[in-house]
Amino acid sequence: IRKQYFVLQDLWQVNKDTIITPSLRLDKSDLFGAHLTANVGLTKNLGGNVHRRFKANIGTGYTEPGMGELGNVWR
C-alpha cells in the first residue's frame, strides 16, 4: 500500500494572550483514496500569566484499517 500525507498549519497571534492554530491534513493512499481532515487549536493565557494557560482543540479525524484488519480482504 502506498500512502502519502500533506499537512498545512499556521499560527495566529490574536493578542498577547491568545493564539489560534488552524491546520489541514490531506491523507492519500492508493487503496482508500484521499481524505481531508481539519483541526483548530486555541491557547489562552489566564489573567495574562504565561504559566497558566487554557488550551482547547477541536477537529476531525480519519484512519485507515490496519494490515491485520485488511487480511480478510485479500483472501
PDB file of N, CA and C in Angstrom:
ATOM      1  N   ILE A   1       0.855  -1.181   0.000  1.00  0.00           N
ATOM      2  CA  ILE A   1       0.000   0.000   0.000  1.00  0.00           C
ATOM      3  C   ILE A   1       0.898   1.240   0.000  1.00  0.00           C
ATOM      4  N   ARG A   2       0.643   2.134  -0.902  1.00  0.00           N
ATOM      5  CA  ARG A   2       1.400   3.384  -0.957  1.00  0.00           C
ATOM      6  C   ARG A   2       0.572   4.494  -0.299  1.00  0.00           C
ATOM      7  N   LYS A   3       1.186   5.185   0.677  1.00  0.00           N
ATOM      8  CA  LYS A   3       0.495   6.258   1.403  1.00  0.00           C
ATOM      9  C   LYS A   3       1.315   7.533   1.349  1.00  0.00           C
ATOM     10  N   GLN A   4       0.608   8.651   1.300  1.00  0.00           N
ATOM     11  CA  GLN A   4       1.231   9.969   1.356  1.00  0.00           C
ATOM     12  C   GLN A   4       0.342  10.871   2.205  1.00  0.00           C
ATOM     13  N   TYR A   5       0.958  11.859   2.838  1.00  0.00           N
ATOM     14  CA  TYR A   5       0.151  12.860   3.525  1.00  0.00           C
ATOM     15  C   TYR A   5       0.832  14.218   3.442  1.00  0.00           C
ATOM     16  N   PHE A   6       0.012  15.264   3.542  1.00  0.00           N
ATOM     17  CA  PHE A   6       0.481  16.639   3.473  1.00  0.00           C
ATOM     18  C   PHE A   6      -0.224  17.420   4.570  1.00  0.00           C
ATOM     19  N   VAL A   7       0.549  18.200   5.342  1.00  0.00           N
ATOM     20  CA  VAL A   7      -0.006  18.985   6.444  1.00  0.00           C
ATOM     21  C   VAL A   7       0.262  20.462   6.196  1.00  0.00           C
ATOM     22  N   LEU A   8      -0.761  21.281   6.389  1.00  0.00           N
ATOM     23  CA  LEU A   8      -0.646  22.733   6.294  1.00  0.00           C
ATOM     24  C   LEU A   8      -1.115  23.297   7.629  1.00  0.00           C
ATOM     25  N   GLN A   9      -0.233  24.046   8.312  1.00  0.00           N
ATOM     26  CA  GLN A   9      -0.559  24.572   9.634  1.00  0.00           C
ATOM     27  C   GLN A   9      -0.061  26.003   9.750  1.00  0.00           C
ATOM     28  N   ASP A  10      -0.785  26.811  10.501  1.00  0.00           N
ATOM     29  CA  ASP A  10      -0.387  28.196  10.722  1.00  0.00           C
ATOM     30  C   ASP A  10      -0.584  28.522  12.193  1.00  0.00           C
ATOM     31  N   LEU A  11      -0.036  29.643  12.621  1.00  0.00           N
ATOM     32  CA  LEU A  11      -0.174  30.112  13.992  1.00  0.00           C
ATOM     33  C   LEU A  11      -0.567  31.577  13.939  1.00  0.00           C
ATOM     34  N   TRP A  12      -1.720  31.898  14.532  1.00  0.00           N
ATOM     35  CA  TRP A  12      -2.222  33.264  14.514  1.00  0.00           C
ATOM     36  C   TRP A  12      -2.181  33.839  15.924  1.00  0.00           C
ATOM     37  N   GLN A  13      -1.406  34.887  16.131  1.00  0.00           N
ATOM     38  CA  GLN A  13      -1.335  35.589  17.417  1.00  0.00           C
ATOM     39  C   GLN A  13      -2.445  36.635  17.415  1.00  0.00           C
ATOM     40  N   VAL A  14      -3.561  36.348  18.082  1.00  0.00           N
ATOM     41  CA  VAL A  14      -4.718  37.238  18.101  1.00  0.00           C
ATOM     42  C   VAL A  14      -4.418  38.480  18.947  1.00  0.00           C
ATOM     43  N   ASN A  15      -3.859  38.256  20.136  1.00  0.00           N
ATOM     44  CA  ASN A  15      -3.385  39.325  21.009  1.00  0.00           C
ATOM     45  C   ASN A  15      -2.282  38.739  21.886  1.00  0.00           C
ATOM     46  N   LYS A  16      -1.806  39.471  22.887  1.00  0.00           N
ATOM     47  CA  LYS A  16      -0.663  38.979  23.656  1.00  0.00           C
ATOM     48  C   LYS A  16      -0.984  37.732  24.475  1.00  0.00           C
ATOM     49  N   ASP A  17      -2.261  37.418  24.676  1.00  0.00           N
ATOM     50  CA  ASP A  17      -2.648  36.264  25.485  1.00  0.00           C
ATOM     51  C   ASP A  17      -3.358  35.153  24.710  1.00  0.00           C
ATOM     52  N   THR A  18      -3.592  35.327  23.424  1.00  0.00           N
ATOM     53  CA  THR A  18      -4.393  34.352  22.670  1.00  0.00           C
ATOM     54  C   THR A  18      -3.714  33.951  21.373  1.00  0.00           C
ATOM     55  N   ILE A  19      -3.607  32.628  21.177  1.00  0.00           N
ATOM     56  CA  ILE A  19      -3.041  32.066  19.948  1.00  0.00           C
ATOM     57  C   ILE A  19      -4.049  31.066  19.375  1.00  0.00           C
ATOM     58  N   ILE A  20      -4.300  31.150  18.078  1.00  0.00           N
ATOM     59  CA  ILE A  20      -5.144  30.180  17.375  1.00  0.00           C
ATOM     60  C   ILE A  20      -4.269  29.458  16.350  1.00  0.00           C
ATOM     61  N   THR A  21      -4.398  28.133  16.319  1.00  0.00           N
ATOM     62  CA  THR A  21      -3.586  27.315  15.421  1.00  0.00           C
ATOM     63  C   THR A  21      -4.489  26.454  14.538  1.00  0.00           C
ATOM     64  N   PRO A  22      -4.771  26.877  13.300  1.00  0.00           N
ATOM     65  CA  PRO A  22      -5.554  26.048  12.383  1.00  0.00           C
ATOM     66  C   PRO A  22      -4.629  25.105  11.592  1.00  0.00           C
ATOM     67  N   SER A  23      -5.154  23.934  11.247  1.00  0.00           N
ATOM     68  CA  SER A  23      -4.368  23.012  10.416  1.00  0.00           C
ATOM     69  C   SER A  23      -5.286  22.168   9.540  1.00  0.00           C
ATOM     70  N   LEU A  24      -4.759  21.784   8.397  1.00  0.00           N
ATOM     71  CA  LEU A  24      -5.420  20.870   7.461  1.00  0.00           C
ATOM     72  C   LEU A  24      -4.459  19.732   7.163  1.00  0.00           C
ATOM     73  N   ARG A  25      -4.982  18.525   7.030  1.00  0.00           N
ATOM     74  CA  ARG A  25      -4.156  17.368   6.663  1.00  0.00           C
ATOM     75  C   ARG A  25      -4.870  16.602   5.555  1.00  0.00           C
ATOM     76  N   LEU A  26      -4.118  16.299   4.510  1.00  0.00           N
ATOM     77  CA  LEU A  26      -4.630  15.509   3.397  1.00  0.00           C
ATOM     78  C   LEU A  26      -3.903  14.169   3.399  1.00  0.00           C
ATOM     79  N   ASP A  27      -4.659  13.093   3.599  1.00  0.00           N
ATOM     80  CA  ASP A  27      -4.122  11.731   3.529  1.00  0.00           C
ATOM     81  C   ASP A  27      -4.526  11.122   2.200  1.00  0.00           C
ATOM     82  N   LYS A  28      -3.589  10.440   1.559  1.00  0.00           N
ATOM     83  CA  LYS A  28      -3.874   9.819   0.269  1.00  0.00           C
ATOM     84  C   LYS A  28      -3.227   8.443   0.234  1.00  0.00           C
ATOM     85  N   SER A  29      -4.002   7.450  -0.170  1.00  0.00           N
ATOM     86  CA  SER A  29      -3.449   6.103  -0.359  1.00  0.00           C
ATOM     87  C   SER A  29      -4.005   5.516  -1.651  1.00  0.00           C
ATOM     88  N   ASP A  30      -3.242   4.625  -2.235  1.00  0.00           N
ATOM     89  CA  ASP A  30      -3.695   4.021  -3.492  1.00  0.00           C
ATOM     90  C   ASP A  30      -4.864   3.066  -3.286  1.00  0.00           C
ATOM     91  N   LEU A  31      -5.092   2.646  -2.044  1.00  0.00           N
ATOM     92  CA  LEU A  31      -6.172   1.710  -1.766  1.00  0.00           C
ATOM     93  C   LEU A  31      -7.459   2.405  -1.307  1.00  0.00           C
ATOM     94  N   PHE A  32      -7.342   3.541  -0.591  1.00  0.00           N
ATOM     95  CA  PHE A  32      -8.510   4.181   0.012  1.00  0.00           C
ATOM     96  C   PHE A  32      -8.792   5.590  -0.501  1.00  0.00           C
ATOM     97  N   GLY A  33      -7.998   6.126  -1.407  1.00  0.00           N
ATOM     98  CA  GLY A  33      -8.250   7.452  -1.956  1.00  0.00           C
ATOM     99  C   GLY A  33      -7.738   8.563  -1.055  1.00  0.00           C
ATOM    100  N   ALA A  34      -8.313   9.751  -1.199  1.00  0.00           N
ATOM    101  CA  ALA A  34      -7.868  10.933  -0.466  1.00  0.00           C
ATOM    102  C   ALA A  34      -8.922  11.360   0.553  1.00  0.00           C
ATOM    103  N   HIS A  35      -8.435  11.810   1.726  1.00  0.00           N
ATOM    104  CA  HIS A  35      -9.314  12.277   2.802  1.00  0.00           C
ATOM    105  C   HIS A  35      -8.698  13.508   3.439  1.00  0.00           C
ATOM    106  N   LEU A  36      -9.509  14.555   3.618  1.00  0.00           N
ATOM    107  CA  LEU A  36      -9.068  15.811   4.210  1.00  0.00           C
ATOM    108  C   LEU A  36      -9.630  15.926   5.627  1.00  0.00           C
ATOM    109  N   THR A  37      -8.772  16.258   6.583  1.00  0.00           N
ATOM    110  CA  THR A  37      -9.205  16.498   7.951  1.00  0.00           C
ATOM    111  C   THR A  37      -8.735  17.886   8.385  1.00  0.00           C
ATOM    112  N   ALA A  38      -9.412  18.448   9.380  1.00  0.00           N
ATOM    113  CA  ALA A  38      -9.103  19.798   9.845  1.00  0.00           C
ATOM    114  C   ALA A  38      -9.073  19.840  11.365  1.00  0.00           C
ATOM    115  N   ASN A  39      -8.323  20.806  11.906  1.00  0.00           N
ATOM    116  CA  ASN A  39      -8.193  20.972  13.340  1.00  0.00           C
ATOM    117  C   ASN A  39      -7.983  22.454  13.628  1.00  0.00           C
ATOM    118  N   VAL A  40      -8.529  22.917  14.759  1.00  0.00           N
ATOM    119  CA  VAL A  40      -8.278  24.278  15.236  1.00  0.00           C
ATOM    120  C   VAL A  40      -7.936  24.185  16.716  1.00  0.00           C
ATOM    121  N   GLY A  41      -6.802  24.792  17.088  1.00  0.00           N
ATOM    122  CA  GLY A  41      -6.384  24.824  18.480  1.00  0.00           C
ATOM    123  C   GLY A  41      -6.421  26.245  19.015  1.00  0.00           C
ATOM    124  N   LEU A  42      -6.669  26.374  20.319  1.00  0.00           N
ATOM    125  CA  LEU A  42      -6.696  27.666  20.985  1.00  0.00           C
ATOM    126  C   LEU A  42      -5.837  27.587  22.239  1.00  0.00           C
ATOM    127  N   THR A  43      -4.965  28.560  22.434  1.00  0.00           N
ATOM    128  CA  THR A  43      -4.197  28.706  23.669  1.00  0.00           C
ATOM    129  C   THR A  43      -4.464  30.098  24.216  1.00  0.00           C
ATOM    130  N   LYS A  44      -4.885  30.160  25.481  1.00  0.00           N
ATOM    131  CA  LYS A  44      -5.232  31.435  26.113  1.00  0.00           C
ATOM    132  C   LYS A  44      -4.513  31.523  27.455  1.00  0.00           C
ATOM    133  N   ASN A  45      -3.684  32.556  27.631  1.00  0.00           N
ATOM    134  CA  ASN A  45      -3.057  32.803  28.923  1.00  0.00           C
ATOM    135  C   ASN A  45      -4.120  33.323  29.884  1.00  0.00           C
ATOM    136  N   LEU A  46      -4.200  32.723  31.066  1.00  0.00           N
ATOM    137  CA  LEU A  46      -5.216  33.128  32.036  1.00  0.00           C
ATOM    138  C   LEU A  46      -4.689  34.263  32.900  1.00  0.00           C
ATOM    139  N   GLY A  47      -5.401  35.348  32.922  1.00  0.00           N
ATOM    140  CA  GLY A  47      -5.008  36.510  33.703  1.00  0.00           C
ATOM    141  C   GLY A  47      -3.698  37.130  33.248  1.00  0.00           C
ATOM    142  N   GLY A  48      -3.331  36.917  31.994  1.00  0.00           N
ATOM    143  CA  GLY A  48      -2.081  37.460  31.471  1.00  0.00           C
ATOM    144  C   GLY A  48      -0.844  36.723  31.932  1.00  0.00           C
ATOM    145  N   ASN A  49      -1.007  35.609  32.654  1.00  0.00           N
ATOM    146  CA  ASN A  49       0.108  34.819  33.182  1.00  0.00           C
ATOM    147  C   ASN A  49       0.473  33.716  32.175  1.00  0.00           C
ATOM    148  N   VAL A  50       1.691  33.756  31.642  1.00  0.00           N
ATOM    149  CA  VAL A  50       2.105  32.770  30.632  1.00  0.00           C
ATOM    150  C   VAL A  50       2.275  31.374  31.219  1.00  0.00           C
ATOM    151  N   HIS A  51       2.272  31.244  32.542  1.00  0.00           N
ATOM    152  CA  HIS A  51       2.411  29.939  33.192  1.00  0.00           C
ATOM    153  C   HIS A  51       1.061  29.308  33.539  1.00  0.00           C
ATOM    154  N   ARG A  52      -0.030  30.034  33.284  1.00  0.00           N
ATOM    155  CA  ARG A  52      -1.377  29.497  33.497  1.00  0.00           C
ATOM    156  C   ARG A  52      -2.137  29.644  32.195  1.00  0.00           C
ATOM    157  N   ARG A  53      -2.364  28.509  31.553  1.00  0.00           N
ATOM    158  CA  ARG A  53      -2.971  28.536  30.219  1.00  0.00           C
ATOM    159  C   ARG A  53      -4.193  27.643  30.131  1.00  0.00           C
ATOM    160  N   PHE A  54      -5.116  28.078  29.297  1.00  0.00           N
ATOM    161  CA  PHE A  54      -6.242  27.249  28.892  1.00  0.00           C
ATOM    162  C   PHE A  54      -5.967  26.826  27.458  1.00  0.00           C
ATOM    163  N   LYS A  55      -6.061  25.513  27.196  1.00  0.00           N
ATOM    164  CA  LYS A  55      -5.842  25.008  25.835  1.00  0.00           C
ATOM    165  C   LYS A  55      -7.041  24.170  25.419  1.00  0.00           C
ATOM    166  N   ALA A  56      -7.429  24.317  24.157  1.00  0.00           N
ATOM    167  CA  ALA A  56      -8.534  23.531  23.613  1.00  0.00           C
ATOM    168  C   ALA A  56      -8.258  23.232  22.147  1.00  0.00           C
ATOM    169  N   ASN A  57      -8.729  22.077  21.697  1.00  0.00           N
ATOM    170  CA  ASN A  57      -8.614  21.669  20.294  1.00  0.00           C
ATOM    171  C   ASN A  57      -9.921  21.044  19.858  1.00  0.00           C
ATOM    172  N   ILE A  58     -10.263  21.271  18.609  1.00  0.00           N
ATOM    173  CA  ILE A  58     -11.411  20.603  18.014  1.00  0.00           C
ATOM    174  C   ILE A  58     -11.041  20.269  16.567  1.00  0.00           C
ATOM    175  N   GLY A  59     -11.475  19.106  16.113  1.00  0.00           N
ATOM    176  CA  GLY A  59     -11.131  18.735  14.751  1.00  0.00           C
ATOM    177  C   GLY A  59     -11.806  17.457  14.316  1.00  0.00           C
ATOM    178  N   THR A  60     -11.493  17.080  13.105  1.00  0.00           N
ATOM    179  CA  THR A  60     -11.997  15.833  12.541  1.00  0.00           C
ATOM    180  C   THR A  60     -10.846  14.848  12.439  1.00  0.00           C
ATOM    181  N   GLY A  61     -11.166  13.594  12.236  1.00  0.00           N
ATOM    182  CA  GLY A  61     -10.129  12.582  12.141  1.00  0.00           C
ATOM    183  C   GLY A  61     -10.456  11.534  11.098  1.00  0.00           C
ATOM    184  N   TYR A  62      -9.426  10.844  10.681  1.00  0.00           N
ATOM    185  CA  TYR A  62      -9.579   9.783   9.688  1.00  0.00           C
ATOM    186  C   TYR A  62      -8.485   8.757   9.928  1.00  0.00           C
ATOM    187  N   THR A  63      -8.833   7.511   9.867  1.00  0.00           N
ATOM    188  CA  THR A  63      -7.830   6.456   9.964  1.00  0.00           C
ATOM    189  C   THR A  63      -8.208   5.312   9.029  1.00  0.00           C
ATOM    190  N   GLU A  64      -7.208   4.695   8.465  1.00  0.00           N
ATOM    191  CA  GLU A  64      -7.430   3.549   7.585  1.00  0.00           C
ATOM    192  C   GLU A  64      -7.302   2.265   8.396  1.00  0.00           C
ATOM    193  N   PRO A  65      -7.914   1.190   7.930  1.00  0.00           N
ATOM    194  CA  PRO A  65      -7.764  -0.082   8.629  1.00  0.00           C
ATOM    195  C   PRO A  65      -6.302  -0.533   8.621  1.00  0.00           C
ATOM    196  N   GLY A  66      -5.900  -1.207   9.684  1.00  0.00           N
ATOM    197  CA  GLY A  66      -4.539  -1.733   9.767  1.00  0.00           C
ATOM    198  C   GLY A  66      -4.369  -2.979   8.925  1.00  0.00           C
ATOM    199  N   MET A  67      -3.132  -3.440   8.805  1.00  0.00           N
ATOM    200  CA  MET A  67      -2.848  -4.624   7.982  1.00  0.00           C
ATOM    201  C   MET A  67      -3.578  -5.865   8.505  1.00  0.00           C
ATOM    202  N   GLY A  68      -3.723  -6.001   9.815  1.00  0.00           N
ATOM    203  CA  GLY A  68      -4.461  -7.132  10.381  1.00  0.00           C
ATOM    204  C   GLY A  68      -5.925  -7.121   9.999  1.00  0.00           C
ATOM    205  N   GLU A  69      -6.497  -5.935   9.933  1.00  0.00           N
ATOM    206  CA  GLU A  69      -7.904  -5.796   9.565  1.00  0.00           C
ATOM    207  C   GLU A  69      -8.111  -6.016   8.068  1.00  0.00           C
ATOM    208  N   LEU A  70      -7.075  -5.790   7.274  1.00  0.00           N
ATOM    209  CA  LEU A  70      -7.176  -5.981   5.823  1.00  0.00           C
ATOM    210  C   LEU A  70      -6.950  -7.427   5.408  1.00  0.00           C
ATOM    211  N   GLY A  71      -6.505  -8.276   6.323  1.00  0.00           N
ATOM    212  CA  GLY A  71      -6.199  -9.667   5.995  1.00  0.00           C
ATOM    213  C   GLY A  71      -7.327 -10.381   5.288  1.00  0.00           C
ATOM    214  N   ASN A  72      -8.572 -10.129   5.697  1.00  0.00           N
ATOM    215  CA  ASN A  72      -9.722 -10.805   5.112  1.00  0.00           C
ATOM    216  C   ASN A  72     -10.036 -10.289   3.704  1.00  0.00           C
ATOM    217  N   VAL A  73      -9.580  -9.088   3.376  1.00  0.00           N
ATOM    218  CA  VAL A  73      -9.861  -8.500   2.055  1.00  0.00           C
ATOM    219  C   VAL A  73      -9.112  -9.268   0.968  1.00  0.00           C
ATOM    220  N   TRP A  74      -7.925  -9.748   1.288  1.00  0.00           N
ATOM    221  CA  TRP A  74      -7.062 -10.373   0.275  1.00  0.00           C
ATOM    222  C   TRP A  74      -7.323 -11.853   0.096  1.00  0.00           C
ATOM    223  N   ARG A  75      -8.200 -12.435   0.860  1.00  0.00           N
ATOM    224  CA  ARG A  75      -8.451 -13.903   0.735  1.00  0.00           C
ATOM    225  C   ARG A  75      -9.501 -14.219  -0.282  1.00  0.00           C
TER     226      ARG A  75
END
